[in-house]
Amino acid sequence: RNSNSMREFLEKNYKETSGQETIKLAVRALLEVVESGGKNIEI
């Protein structure tokens, strides 16, 4: 669902990352389309 919005976000914000920064990028991409924050996210 809404994969185009997430892909556009990743295209704008992706850079080679490691560790915690990689996790944050994935969470930020999901938060673009997921409502009510962390409780509806599985990482």
Full PDB file with SEQRES, HELIX, SHEET, SSBOND, CRYST1, ORIGX, SCALE, CONECT and MASTER records, all heavy atoms in Angstrom:
SEQRES   1 A   43  ARG ASN SER ASN SER MET ARG GLU PHE LEU GLU LYS ASN          
SEQRES   2 A   43  TYR LYS GLU THR SER GLY GLN GLU THR ILE LYS LEU ALA          
SEQRES   3 A   43  VAL ARG ALA LEU LEU GLU VAL VAL GLU SER GLY GLY LYS          
SEQRES   4 A   43  ASN ILE GLU ILE                                              
HELIX    1 AA1 SER A    3  ASN A   13  1                                  11    
HELIX    2 AA2 GLN A   20  LEU A   31  1                                  12    
HELIX    3 AA3 GLY A   37  ASN A   40  5                                   4    
CRYST1    1.000    1.000    1.000  90.00  90.00  90.00 P 1           1          
ORIGX1      1.000000  0.000000  0.000000        0.00000                         
ORIGX2      0.000000  1.000000  0.000000        0.00000                         
ORIGX3      0.000000  0.000000  1.000000        0.00000                         
SCALE1      1.000000  0.000000  0.000000        0.00000                         
SCALE2      0.000000  1.000000  0.000000        0.00000                         
SCALE3      0.000000  0.000000  1.000000        0.00000                         
ATOM      1  N   ARG A   1       0.836  -1.213   0.000  1.00  0.00           N  
ATOM      2  CA  ARG A   1       0.000   0.000   0.000  1.00  0.00           C  
ATOM      3  C   ARG A   1       0.867   1.257   0.000  1.00  0.00           C  
ATOM      4  O   ARG A   1       1.809   1.377   0.762  1.00  0.00           O  
ATOM      5  CB  ARG A   1      -0.884  -0.025   1.260  1.00  0.00           C  
ATOM      6  CG  ARG A   1      -1.903   1.064   1.335  1.00  0.00           C  
ATOM      7  CD  ARG A   1      -2.778   0.865   2.560  1.00  0.00           C  
ATOM      8  NE  ARG A   1      -2.055   1.104   3.806  1.00  0.00           N  
ATOM      9  CZ  ARG A   1      -1.899   2.302   4.374  1.00  0.00           C  
ATOM     10  NH1 ARG A   1      -2.388   3.387   3.774  1.00  0.00           N  
ATOM     11  NH2 ARG A   1      -1.263   2.435   5.506  1.00  0.00           N  
ATOM     12  N   ASN A   2       0.539   2.195  -0.878  1.00  0.00           N  
ATOM     13  CA  ASN A   2       1.257   3.477  -0.973  1.00  0.00           C  
ATOM     14  C   ASN A   2       2.763   3.314  -1.172  1.00  0.00           C  
ATOM     15  O   ASN A   2       3.556   4.118  -0.701  1.00  0.00           O  
ATOM     16  CB  ASN A   2       1.013   4.330   0.282  1.00  0.00           C  
ATOM     17  CG  ASN A   2      -0.415   4.821   0.390  1.00  0.00           C  
ATOM     18  OD1 ASN A   2      -1.112   4.935  -0.615  1.00  0.00           O  
ATOM     19  ND2 ASN A   2      -0.862   5.086   1.593  1.00  0.00           N  
ATOM     20  N   SER A   3       3.138   2.259  -1.884  1.00  0.00           N  
ATOM     21  CA  SER A   3       4.579   2.005  -2.070  1.00  0.00           C  
ATOM     22  C   SER A   3       5.250   3.112  -2.880  1.00  0.00           C  
ATOM     23  O   SER A   3       6.433   3.400  -2.676  1.00  0.00           O  
ATOM     24  CB  SER A   3       4.806   0.656  -2.750  1.00  0.00           C  
ATOM     25  OG  SER A   3       4.148   0.600  -3.999  1.00  0.00           O  
ATOM     26  N   ASN A   4       4.495   3.759  -3.782  1.00  0.00           N  
ATOM     27  CA  ASN A   4       5.093   4.835  -4.582  1.00  0.00           C  
ATOM     28  C   ASN A   4       5.549   5.996  -3.701  1.00  0.00           C  
ATOM     29  O   ASN A   4       6.621   6.564  -3.917  1.00  0.00           O  
ATOM     30  CB  ASN A   4       4.101   5.343  -5.644  1.00  0.00           C  
ATOM     31  CG  ASN A   4       3.924   4.351  -6.766  1.00  0.00           C  
ATOM     32  OD1 ASN A   4       4.765   3.467  -6.945  1.00  0.00           O  
ATOM     33  ND2 ASN A   4       2.841   4.457  -7.513  1.00  0.00           N  
ATOM     34  N   SER A   5       4.736   6.346  -2.690  1.00  0.00           N  
ATOM     35  CA  SER A   5       5.109   7.434  -1.776  1.00  0.00           C  
ATOM     36  C   SER A   5       6.389   7.086  -1.025  1.00  0.00           C  
ATOM     37  O   SER A   5       7.293   7.918  -0.876  1.00  0.00           O  
ATOM     38  CB  SER A   5       3.999   7.697  -0.752  1.00  0.00           C  
ATOM     39  OG  SER A   5       2.794   7.971  -1.395  1.00  0.00           O  
ATOM     40  N   MET A   6       6.476   5.845  -0.549  1.00  0.00           N  
ATOM     41  CA  MET A   6       7.674   5.426   0.188  1.00  0.00           C  
ATOM     42  C   MET A   6       8.893   5.371  -0.720  1.00  0.00           C  
ATOM     43  O   MET A   6       9.990   5.768  -0.323  1.00  0.00           O  
ATOM     44  CB  MET A   6       7.443   4.053   0.831  1.00  0.00           C  
ATOM     45  CG  MET A   6       6.493   4.083   2.005  1.00  0.00           C  
ATOM     46  SD  MET A   6       6.487   2.534   2.931  1.00  0.00           S  
ATOM     47  CE  MET A   6       5.680   1.456   1.765  1.00  0.00           C  
ATOM     48  N   ARG A   7       8.685   4.912  -1.963  1.00  0.00           N  
ATOM     49  CA  ARG A   7       9.822   4.823  -2.883  1.00  0.00           C  
ATOM     50  C   ARG A   7      10.350   6.212  -3.235  1.00  0.00           C  
ATOM     51  O   ARG A   7      11.561   6.425  -3.309  1.00  0.00           O  
ATOM     52  CB  ARG A   7       9.402   4.070  -4.147  1.00  0.00           C  
ATOM     53  CG  ARG A   7      10.577   3.451  -4.901  1.00  0.00           C  
ATOM     54  CD  ARG A   7      10.140   2.562  -6.043  1.00  0.00           C  
ATOM     55  NE  ARG A   7       9.468   1.373  -5.591  1.00  0.00           N  
ATOM     56  CZ  ARG A   7       8.212   1.058  -5.881  1.00  0.00           C  
ATOM     57  NH1 ARG A   7       7.485   1.869  -6.623  1.00  0.00           N  
ATOM     58  NH2 ARG A   7       7.670  -0.052  -5.443  1.00  0.00           N  
ATOM     59  N   GLU A   8       9.422   7.158  -3.426  1.00  0.00           N  
ATOM     60  CA  GLU A   8       9.855   8.541  -3.690  1.00  0.00           C  
ATOM     61  C   GLU A   8      10.641   9.101  -2.503  1.00  0.00           C  
ATOM     62  O   GLU A   8      11.661   9.761  -2.684  1.00  0.00           O  
ATOM     63  CB  GLU A   8       8.634   9.425  -3.965  1.00  0.00           C  
ATOM     64  CG  GLU A   8       8.076   9.276  -5.361  1.00  0.00           C  
ATOM     65  CD  GLU A   8       6.737   9.997  -5.525  1.00  0.00           C  
ATOM     66  OE1 GLU A   8       6.446  10.900  -4.699  1.00  0.00           O  
ATOM     67  OE2 GLU A   8       5.995   9.656  -6.455  1.00  0.00           O  
ATOM     68  N   PHE A   9      10.169   8.826  -1.282  1.00  0.00           N  
ATOM     69  CA  PHE A   9      10.878   9.276  -0.079  1.00  0.00           C  
ATOM     70  C   PHE A   9      12.281   8.667  -0.034  1.00  0.00           C  
ATOM     71  O   PHE A   9      13.266   9.371   0.255  1.00  0.00           O  
ATOM     72  CB  PHE A   9      10.093   8.879   1.173  1.00  0.00           C  
ATOM     73  CG  PHE A   9      10.817   9.186   2.456  1.00  0.00           C  
ATOM     74  CD1 PHE A   9      10.749  10.453   3.026  1.00  0.00           C  
ATOM     75  CD2 PHE A   9      11.587   8.222   3.086  1.00  0.00           C  
ATOM     76  CE1 PHE A   9      11.432  10.748   4.196  1.00  0.00           C  
ATOM     77  CE2 PHE A   9      12.274   8.498   4.251  1.00  0.00           C  
ATOM     78  CZ  PHE A   9      12.197   9.767   4.808  1.00  0.00           C  
ATOM     79  N   LEU A  10      12.387   7.376  -0.333  1.00  0.00           N  
ATOM     80  CA  LEU A  10      13.691   6.705  -0.285  1.00  0.00           C  
ATOM     81  C   LEU A  10      14.622   7.243  -1.367  1.00  0.00           C  
ATOM     82  O   LEU A  10      15.823   7.401  -1.134  1.00  0.00           O  
ATOM     83  CB  LEU A  10      13.506   5.189  -0.444  1.00  0.00           C  
ATOM     84  CG  LEU A  10      12.877   4.473   0.755  1.00  0.00           C  
ATOM     85  CD1 LEU A  10      12.447   3.058   0.371  1.00  0.00           C  
ATOM     86  CD2 LEU A  10      13.835   4.429   1.934  1.00  0.00           C  
ATOM     87  N   GLU A  11      14.062   7.528  -2.554  1.00  0.00           N  
ATOM     88  CA  GLU A  11      14.901   8.080  -3.632  1.00  0.00           C  
ATOM     89  C   GLU A  11      15.496   9.419  -3.228  1.00  0.00           C  
ATOM     90  O   GLU A  11      16.650   9.725  -3.547  1.00  0.00           O  
ATOM     91  CB  GLU A  11      14.074   8.224  -4.909  1.00  0.00           C  
ATOM     92  CG  GLU A  11      13.847   6.898  -5.631  1.00  0.00           C  
ATOM     93  CD  GLU A  11      12.820   7.007  -6.754  1.00  0.00           C  
ATOM     94  OE1 GLU A  11      12.352   8.145  -7.021  1.00  0.00           O  
ATOM     95  OE2 GLU A  11      12.484   5.972  -7.352  1.00  0.00           O  
ATOM     96  N   LYS A  12      14.705  10.237  -2.513  1.00  0.00           N  
ATOM     97  CA  LYS A  12      15.200  11.560  -2.100  1.00  0.00           C  
ATOM     98  C   LYS A  12      16.192  11.468  -0.946  1.00  0.00           C  
ATOM     99  O   LYS A  12      17.118  12.269  -0.857  1.00  0.00           O  
ATOM    100  CB  LYS A  12      14.016  12.441  -1.662  1.00  0.00           C  
ATOM    101  CG  LYS A  12      13.167  12.954  -2.810  1.00  0.00           C  
ATOM    102  CD  LYS A  12      11.987  13.749  -2.272  1.00  0.00           C  
ATOM    103  CE  LYS A  12      11.005  14.079  -3.382  1.00  0.00           C  
ATOM    104  NZ  LYS A  12       9.730  14.605  -2.857  1.00  0.00           N  
ATOM    105  N   ASN A  13      15.987  10.500  -0.046  1.00  0.00           N  
ATOM    106  CA  ASN A  13      16.732  10.505   1.212  1.00  0.00           C  
ATOM    107  C   ASN A  13      17.769   9.396   1.364  1.00  0.00           C  
ATOM    108  O   ASN A  13      18.501   9.375   2.350  1.00  0.00           O  
ATOM    109  CB  ASN A  13      15.750  10.408   2.399  1.00  0.00           C  
ATOM    110  CG  ASN A  13      14.863  11.628   2.494  1.00  0.00           C  
ATOM    111  OD1 ASN A  13      15.242  12.664   3.013  1.00  0.00           O  
ATOM    112  ND2 ASN A  13      13.643  11.518   1.976  1.00  0.00           N  
ATOM    113  N   TYR A  14      17.831   8.467   0.386  1.00  0.00           N  
ATOM    114  CA  TYR A  14      18.754   7.347   0.559  1.00  0.00           C  
ATOM    115  C   TYR A  14      20.196   7.782   0.399  1.00  0.00           C  
ATOM    116  O   TYR A  14      20.555   8.504  -0.510  1.00  0.00           O  
ATOM    117  CB  TYR A  14      18.461   6.227  -0.447  1.00  0.00           C  
ATOM    118  CG  TYR A  14      19.427   5.061  -0.294  1.00  0.00           C  
ATOM    119  CD1 TYR A  14      19.207   4.084   0.658  1.00  0.00           C  
ATOM    120  CD2 TYR A  14      20.578   4.996  -1.067  1.00  0.00           C  
ATOM    121  CE1 TYR A  14      20.098   3.045   0.841  1.00  0.00           C  
ATOM    122  CE2 TYR A  14      21.480   3.951  -0.900  1.00  0.00           C  
ATOM    123  CZ  TYR A  14      21.237   2.980   0.057  1.00  0.00           C  
ATOM    124  OH  TYR A  14      22.136   1.959   0.239  1.00  0.00           O  
ATOM    125  N   LYS A  15      21.022   7.325   1.304  1.00  0.00           N  
ATOM    126  CA  LYS A  15      22.473   7.387   1.137  1.00  0.00           C  
ATOM    127  C   LYS A  15      23.065   6.198   1.880  1.00  0.00           C  
ATOM    128  O   LYS A  15      22.407   5.605   2.731  1.00  0.00           O  
ATOM    129  CB  LYS A  15      23.052   8.713   1.647  1.00  0.00           C  
ATOM    130  CG  LYS A  15      22.731   9.074   3.083  1.00  0.00           C  
ATOM    131  CD  LYS A  15      23.336  10.426   3.432  1.00  0.00           C  
ATOM    132  CE  LYS A  15      23.094  10.823   4.872  1.00  0.00           C  
ATOM    133  NZ  LYS A  15      21.680  11.165   5.143  1.00  0.00           N  
ATOM    134  N   GLU A  16      24.302   5.841   1.542  1.00  0.00           N  
ATOM    135  CA  GLU A  16      24.933   4.696   2.206  1.00  0.00           C  
ATOM    136  C   GLU A  16      25.000   4.950   3.702  1.00  0.00           C  
ATOM    137  O   GLU A  16      25.625   5.914   4.156  1.00  0.00           O  
ATOM    138  CB  GLU A  16      26.346   4.484   1.645  1.00  0.00           C  
ATOM    139  CG  GLU A  16      26.374   3.936   0.234  1.00  0.00           C  
ATOM    140  CD  GLU A  16      26.038   2.449   0.166  1.00  0.00           C  
ATOM    141  OE1 GLU A  16      26.186   1.764   1.191  1.00  0.00           O  
ATOM    142  OE2 GLU A  16      25.607   1.993  -0.911  1.00  0.00           O  
ATOM    143  N   THR A  17      24.329   4.109   4.478  1.00  0.00           N  
ATOM    144  CA  THR A  17      24.312   4.287   5.926  1.00  0.00           C  
ATOM    145  C   THR A  17      24.723   2.980   6.599  1.00  0.00           C  
ATOM    146  O   THR A  17      24.858   1.944   5.951  1.00  0.00           O  
ATOM    147  CB  THR A  17      22.899   4.667   6.425  1.00  0.00           C  
ATOM    148  OG1 THR A  17      21.976   3.674   5.947  1.00  0.00           O  
ATOM    149  CG2 THR A  17      22.485   6.040   5.944  1.00  0.00           C  
ATOM    150  N   SER A  18      24.910   3.047   7.907  1.00  0.00           N  
ATOM    151  CA  SER A  18      25.217   1.836   8.667  1.00  0.00           C  
ATOM    152  C   SER A  18      24.509   1.910  10.014  1.00  0.00           C  
ATOM    153  O   SER A  18      24.113   2.983  10.470  1.00  0.00           O  
ATOM    154  CB  SER A  18      26.738   1.705   8.876  1.00  0.00           C  
ATOM    155  OG  SER A  18      27.211   2.818   9.612  1.00  0.00           O  
ATOM    156  N   GLY A  19      24.333   0.733  10.622  1.00  0.00           N  
ATOM    157  CA  GLY A  19      23.798   0.668  11.981  1.00  0.00           C  
ATOM    158  C   GLY A  19      22.470   1.380  12.162  1.00  0.00           C  
ATOM    159  O   GLY A  19      21.519   1.195  11.405  1.00  0.00           O  
ATOM    160  N   GLN A  20      22.421   2.222  13.175  1.00  0.00           N  
ATOM    161  CA  GLN A  20      21.183   2.881  13.605  1.00  0.00           C  
ATOM    162  C   GLN A  20      20.608   3.789  12.519  1.00  0.00           C  
ATOM    163  O   GLN A  20      19.388   3.925  12.406  1.00  0.00           O  
ATOM    164  CB  GLN A  20      21.458   3.689  14.883  1.00  0.00           C  
ATOM    165  CG  GLN A  20      20.211   4.190  15.610  1.00  0.00           C  
ATOM    166  CD  GLN A  20      19.412   3.085  16.285  1.00  0.00           C  
ATOM    167  OE1 GLN A  20      19.866   1.938  16.329  1.00  0.00           O  
ATOM    168  NE2 GLN A  20      18.250   3.402  16.788  1.00  0.00           N  
ATOM    169  N   GLU A  21      21.461   4.421  11.715  1.00  0.00           N  
ATOM    170  CA  GLU A  21      20.977   5.324  10.666  1.00  0.00           C  
ATOM    171  C   GLU A  21      20.153   4.573   9.617  1.00  0.00           C  
ATOM    172  O   GLU A  21      19.177   5.100   9.087  1.00  0.00           O  
ATOM    173  CB  GLU A  21      22.157   6.049   9.998  1.00  0.00           C  
ATOM    174  CG  GLU A  21      22.816   7.106  10.866  1.00  0.00           C  
ATOM    175  CD  GLU A  21      21.833   8.184  11.329  1.00  0.00           C  
ATOM    176  OE1 GLU A  21      21.103   8.721  10.470  1.00  0.00           O  
ATOM    177  OE2 GLU A  21      21.772   8.449  12.541  1.00  0.00           O  
ATOM    178  N   THR A  22      20.544   3.331   9.321  1.00  0.00           N  
ATOM    179  CA  THR A  22      19.786   2.514   8.364  1.00  0.00           C  
ATOM    180  C   THR A  22      18.399   2.215   8.917  1.00  0.00           C  
ATOM    181  O   THR A  22      17.394   2.277   8.197  1.00  0.00           O  
ATOM    182  CB  THR A  22      20.531   1.189   8.081  1.00  0.00           C  
ATOM    183  OG1 THR A  22      21.902   1.468   7.800  1.00  0.00           O  
ATOM    184  CG2 THR A  22      19.924   0.454   6.904  1.00  0.00           C  
ATOM    185  N   ILE A  23      18.335   1.885  10.211  1.00  0.00           N  
ATOM    186  CA  ILE A  23      17.040   1.591  10.851  1.00  0.00           C  
ATOM    187  C   ILE A  23      16.144   2.830  10.812  1.00  0.00           C  
ATOM    188  O   ILE A  23      14.957   2.749  10.474  1.00  0.00           O  
ATOM    189  CB  ILE A  23      17.250   1.134  12.315  1.00  0.00           C  
ATOM    190  CG1 ILE A  23      18.126  -0.121  12.360  1.00  0.00           C  
ATOM    191  CG2 ILE A  23      15.915   0.871  12.999  1.00  0.00           C  
ATOM    192  CD1 ILE A  23      18.582  -0.528  13.752  1.00  0.00           C  
ATOM    193  N   LYS A  24      16.729   3.987  11.117  1.00  0.00           N  
ATOM    194  CA  LYS A  24      15.938   5.230  11.142  1.00  0.00           C  
ATOM    195  C   LYS A  24      15.380   5.559   9.762  1.00  0.00           C  
ATOM    196  O   LYS A  24      14.242   6.013   9.637  1.00  0.00           O  
ATOM    197  CB  LYS A  24      16.792   6.386  11.677  1.00  0.00           C  
ATOM    198  CG  LYS A  24      16.838   6.434  13.205  1.00  0.00           C  
ATOM    199  CD  LYS A  24      17.909   7.336  13.733  1.00  0.00           C  
ATOM    200  CE  LYS A  24      17.641   8.794  13.497  1.00  0.00           C  
ATOM    201  NZ  LYS A  24      18.654   9.649  14.157  1.00  0.00           N  
ATOM    202  N   LEU A  25      16.164   5.315   8.716  1.00  0.00           N  
ATOM    203  CA  LEU A  25      15.697   5.597   7.353  1.00  0.00           C  
ATOM    204  C   LEU A  25      14.488   4.718   7.009  1.00  0.00           C  
ATOM    205  O   LEU A  25      13.499   5.195   6.439  1.00  0.00           O  
ATOM    206  CB  LEU A  25      16.827   5.362   6.348  1.00  0.00           C  
ATOM    207  CG  LEU A  25      16.489   5.628   4.879  1.00  0.00           C  
ATOM    208  CD1 LEU A  25      16.066   7.071   4.650  1.00  0.00           C  
ATOM    209  CD2 LEU A  25      17.659   5.271   3.967  1.00  0.00           C  
ATOM    210  N   ALA A  26      14.541   3.435   7.384  1.00  0.00           N  
ATOM    211  CA  ALA A  26      13.419   2.526   7.113  1.00  0.00           C  
ATOM    212  C   ALA A  26      12.170   2.958   7.887  1.00  0.00           C  
ATOM    213  O   ALA A  26      11.059   2.966   7.342  1.00  0.00           O  
ATOM    214  CB  ALA A  26      13.802   1.093   7.480  1.00  0.00           C  
ATOM    215  N   VAL A  27      12.343   3.345   9.155  1.00  0.00           N  
ATOM    216  CA  VAL A  27      11.203   3.778   9.973  1.00  0.00           C  
ATOM    217  C   VAL A  27      10.610   5.065   9.414  1.00  0.00           C  
ATOM    218  O   VAL A  27       9.386   5.217   9.311  1.00  0.00           O  
ATOM    219  CB  VAL A  27      11.623   3.964  11.448  1.00  0.00           C  
ATOM    220  CG1 VAL A  27      10.486   4.568  12.273  1.00  0.00           C  
ATOM    221  CG2 VAL A  27      12.049   2.635  12.058  1.00  0.00           C  
ATOM    222  N   ARG A  28      11.476   5.999   9.005  1.00  0.00           N  
ATOM    223  CA  ARG A  28      10.988   7.268   8.438  1.00  0.00           C  
ATOM    224  C   ARG A  28      10.186   7.014   7.167  1.00  0.00           C  
ATOM    225  O   ARG A  28       9.159   7.667   6.927  1.00  0.00           O  
ATOM    226  CB  ARG A  28      12.166   8.205   8.148  1.00  0.00           C  
ATOM    227  CG  ARG A  28      12.721   8.889   9.393  1.00  0.00           C  
ATOM    228  CD  ARG A  28      14.045   9.563   9.113  1.00  0.00           C  
ATOM    229  NE  ARG A  28      13.934  10.620   8.128  1.00  0.00           N  
ATOM    230  CZ  ARG A  28      14.947  11.065   7.369  1.00  0.00           C  
ATOM    231  NH1 ARG A  28      16.145  10.520   7.498  1.00  0.00           N  
ATOM    232  NH2 ARG A  28      14.760  12.034   6.519  1.00  0.00           N  
ATOM    233  N   ALA A  29      10.641   6.073   6.338  1.00  0.00           N  
ATOM    234  CA  ALA A  29       9.909   5.749   5.104  1.00  0.00           C  
ATOM    235  C   ALA A  29       8.522   5.190   5.435  1.00  0.00           C  
ATOM    236  O   ALA A  29       7.520   5.567   4.821  1.00  0.00           O  
ATOM    237  CB  ALA A  29      10.700   4.742   4.274  1.00  0.00           C  
ATOM    238  N   LEU A  30       8.450   4.298   6.433  1.00  0.00           N  
ATOM    239  CA  LEU A  30       7.156   3.732   6.819  1.00  0.00           C  
ATOM    240  C   LEU A  30       6.225   4.780   7.409  1.00  0.00           C  
ATOM    241  O   LEU A  30       5.016   4.754   7.179  1.00  0.00           O  
ATOM    242  CB  LEU A  30       7.350   2.599   7.831  1.00  0.00           C  
ATOM    243  CG  LEU A  30       7.579   1.200   7.257  1.00  0.00           C  
ATOM    244  CD1 LEU A  30       7.892   0.218   8.372  1.00  0.00           C  
ATOM    245  CD2 LEU A  30       6.370   0.717   6.469  1.00  0.00           C  
ATOM    246  N   LEU A  31       6.796   5.712   8.177  1.00  0.00           N  
ATOM    247  CA  LEU A  31       5.969   6.749   8.806  1.00  0.00           C  
ATOM    248  C   LEU A  31       5.327   7.683   7.776  1.00  0.00           C  
ATOM    249  O   LEU A  31       4.382   8.405   8.094  1.00  0.00           O  
ATOM    250  CB  LEU A  31       6.806   7.570   9.798  1.00  0.00           C  
ATOM    251  CG  LEU A  31       7.192   6.844  11.094  1.00  0.00           C  
ATOM    252  CD1 LEU A  31       8.129   7.708  11.933  1.00  0.00           C  
ATOM    253  CD2 LEU A  31       5.968   6.454  11.905  1.00  0.00           C  
ATOM    254  N   GLU A  32       5.854   7.653   6.524  1.00  0.00           N  
ATOM    255  CA  GLU A  32       5.242   8.440   5.454  1.00  0.00           C  
ATOM    256  C   GLU A  32       3.815   7.972   5.161  1.00  0.00           C  
ATOM    257  O   GLU A  32       2.978   8.749   4.716  1.00  0.00           O  
ATOM    258  CB  GLU A  32       6.076   8.327   4.162  1.00  0.00           C  
ATOM    259  CG  GLU A  32       7.424   9.027   4.205  1.00  0.00           C  
ATOM    260  CD  GLU A  32       7.294  10.536   4.157  1.00  0.00           C  
ATOM    261  OE1 GLU A  32       6.727  11.047   3.173  1.00  0.00           O  
ATOM    262  OE2 GLU A  32       7.753  11.201   5.112  1.00  0.00           O  
ATOM    263  N   VAL A  33       3.556   6.679   5.386  1.00  0.00           N  
ATOM    264  CA  VAL A  33       2.245   6.121   5.003  1.00  0.00           C  
ATOM    265  C   VAL A  33       1.495   5.481   6.173  1.00  0.00           C  
ATOM    266  O   VAL A  33       0.301   5.226   6.070  1.00  0.00           O  
ATOM    267  CB  VAL A  33       2.393   5.066   3.877  1.00  0.00           C  
ATOM    268  CG1 VAL A  33       2.965   5.699   2.631  1.00  0.00           C  
ATOM    269  CG2 VAL A  33       3.238   3.883   4.315  1.00  0.00           C  
ATOM    270  N   VAL A  34       2.178   5.202   7.266  1.00  0.00           N  
ATOM    271  CA  VAL A  34       1.531   4.525   8.400  1.00  0.00           C  
ATOM    272  C   VAL A  34       1.063   5.562   9.412  1.00  0.00           C  
ATOM    273  O   VAL A  34       1.837   6.416   9.840  1.00  0.00           O  
ATOM    274  CB  VAL A  34       2.500   3.534   9.078  1.00  0.00           C  
ATOM    275  CG1 VAL A  34       1.861   2.927  10.314  1.00  0.00           C  
ATOM    276  CG2 VAL A  34       2.898   2.430   8.103  1.00  0.00           C  
ATOM    277  N   GLU A  35      -0.204   5.457   9.780  1.00  0.00           N  
ATOM    278  CA  GLU A  35      -0.730   6.375  10.784  1.00  0.00           C  
ATOM    279  C   GLU A  35      -0.514   5.790  12.183  1.00  0.00           C  
ATOM    280  O   GLU A  35      -0.247   4.619  12.335  1.00  0.00           O  
ATOM    281  CB  GLU A  35      -2.230   6.593  10.533  1.00  0.00           C  
ATOM    282  CG  GLU A  35      -2.496   7.330   9.226  1.00  0.00           C  
ATOM    283  CD  GLU A  35      -3.947   7.249   8.810  1.00  0.00           C  
ATOM    284  OE1 GLU A  35      -4.752   6.774   9.622  1.00  0.00           O  
ATOM    285  OE2 GLU A  35      -4.257   7.638   7.670  1.00  0.00           O  
ATOM    286  N   SER A  36      -0.622   6.626  13.168  1.00  0.00           N  
ATOM    287  CA  SER A  36      -0.512   6.272  14.593  1.00  0.00           C  
ATOM    288  C   SER A  36       0.854   5.717  14.977  1.00  0.00           C  
ATOM    289  O   SER A  36       0.977   4.913  15.892  1.00  0.00           O  
ATOM    290  CB  SER A  36      -1.631   5.306  15.017  1.00  0.00           C  
ATOM    291  OG  SER A  36      -1.472   4.042  14.421  1.00  0.00           O  
ATOM    292  N   GLY A  37       1.894   6.137  14.241  1.00  0.00           N  
ATOM    293  CA  GLY A  37       3.276   5.952  14.699  1.00  0.00           C  
ATOM    294  C   GLY A  37       3.731   4.526  14.898  1.00  0.00           C  
ATOM    295  O   GLY A  37       3.345   3.610  14.190  1.00  0.00           O  
ATOM    296  N   GLY A  38       4.583   4.353  15.939  1.00  0.00           N  
ATOM    297  CA  GLY A  38       5.326   3.118  16.115  1.00  0.00           C  
ATOM    298  C   GLY A  38       4.511   1.880  16.434  1.00  0.00           C  
ATOM    299  O   GLY A  38       4.962   0.770  16.165  1.00  0.00           O  
ATOM    300  N   LYS A  39       3.308   2.033  16.987  1.00  0.00           N  
ATOM    301  CA  LYS A  39       2.574   0.826  17.405  1.00  0.00           C  
ATOM    302  C   LYS A  39       2.054   0.018  16.225  1.00  0.00           C  
ATOM    303  O   LYS A  39       1.685  -1.142  16.393  1.00  0.00           O  
ATOM    304  CB  LYS A  39       1.446   1.194  18.373  1.00  0.00           C  
ATOM    305  CG  LYS A  39       0.319   2.002  17.767  1.00  0.00           C  
ATOM    306  CD  LYS A  39      -0.757   2.273  18.807  1.00  0.00           C  
ATOM    307  CE  LYS A  39      -1.902   3.071  18.200  1.00  0.00           C  
ATOM    308  NZ  LYS A  39      -2.916   3.413  19.192  1.00  0.00           N  
ATOM    309  N   ASN A  40       2.002   0.620  15.030  1.00  0.00           N  
ATOM    310  CA  ASN A  40       1.557  -0.114  13.841  1.00  0.00           C  
ATOM    311  C   ASN A  40       2.713  -0.460  12.903  1.00  0.00           C  
ATOM    312  O   ASN A  40       2.522  -0.629  11.708  1.00  0.00           O  
ATOM    313  CB  ASN A  40       0.504   0.696  13.072  1.00  0.00           C  
ATOM    314  CG  ASN A  40      -0.847   0.628  13.737  1.00  0.00           C  
ATOM    315  OD1 ASN A  40      -0.992  -0.005  14.776  1.00  0.00           O  
ATOM    316  ND2 ASN A  40      -1.832   1.272  13.155  1.00  0.00           N  
ATOM    317  N   ILE A  41       3.910  -0.544  13.463  1.00  0.00           N  
ATOM    318  CA  ILE A  41       5.100  -0.830  12.661  1.00  0.00           C  
ATOM    319  C   ILE A  41       5.818  -2.048  13.244  1.00  0.00           C  
ATOM    320  O   ILE A  41       5.944  -2.187  14.454  1.00  0.00           O  
ATOM    321  CB  ILE A  41       6.055   0.382  12.638  1.00  0.00           C  
ATOM    322  CG1 ILE A  41       5.466   1.525  11.801  1.00  0.00           C  
ATOM    323  CG2 ILE A  41       7.423   0.006  12.086  1.00  0.00           C  
ATOM    324  CD1 ILE A  41       6.295   2.786  11.833  1.00  0.00           C  
ATOM    325  N   GLU A  42       6.269  -2.924  12.345  1.00  0.00           N  
ATOM    326  CA  GLU A  42       7.095  -4.071  12.745  1.00  0.00           C  
ATOM    327  C   GLU A  42       8.441  -3.920  12.038  1.00  0.00           C  
ATOM    328  O   GLU A  42       8.486  -3.740  10.816  1.00  0.00           O  
ATOM    329  CB  GLU A  42       6.398  -5.366  12.330  1.00  0.00           C  
ATOM    330  CG  GLU A  42       7.071  -6.631  12.789  1.00  0.00           C  
ATOM    331  CD  GLU A  42       6.322  -7.872  12.300  1.00  0.00           C  
ATOM    332  OE1 GLU A  42       5.082  -7.827  12.210  1.00  0.00           O  
ATOM    333  OE2 GLU A  42       6.990  -8.872  11.994  1.00  0.00           O  
ATOM    334  N   ILE A  43       9.528  -3.961  12.791  1.00  0.00           N  
ATOM    335  CA  ILE A  43      10.863  -3.761  12.228  1.00  0.00           C  
ATOM    336  C   ILE A  43      11.750  -4.950  12.598  1.00  0.00           C  
ATOM    337  O   ILE A  43      11.740  -5.414  13.743  1.00  0.00           O  
ATOM    338  CB  ILE A  43      11.522  -2.467  12.778  1.00  0.00           C  
ATOM    339  CG1 ILE A  43      10.701  -1.231  12.393  1.00  0.00           C  
ATOM    340  CG2 ILE A  43      12.968  -2.328  12.269  1.00  0.00           C  
ATOM    341  CD1 ILE A  43      10.789  -0.819  10.947  1.00  0.00           C  
TER     342      ILE A  43                                                      
MASTER        0    0    0    3    0    0    0    6  341    1    0    4          
END                                                                             
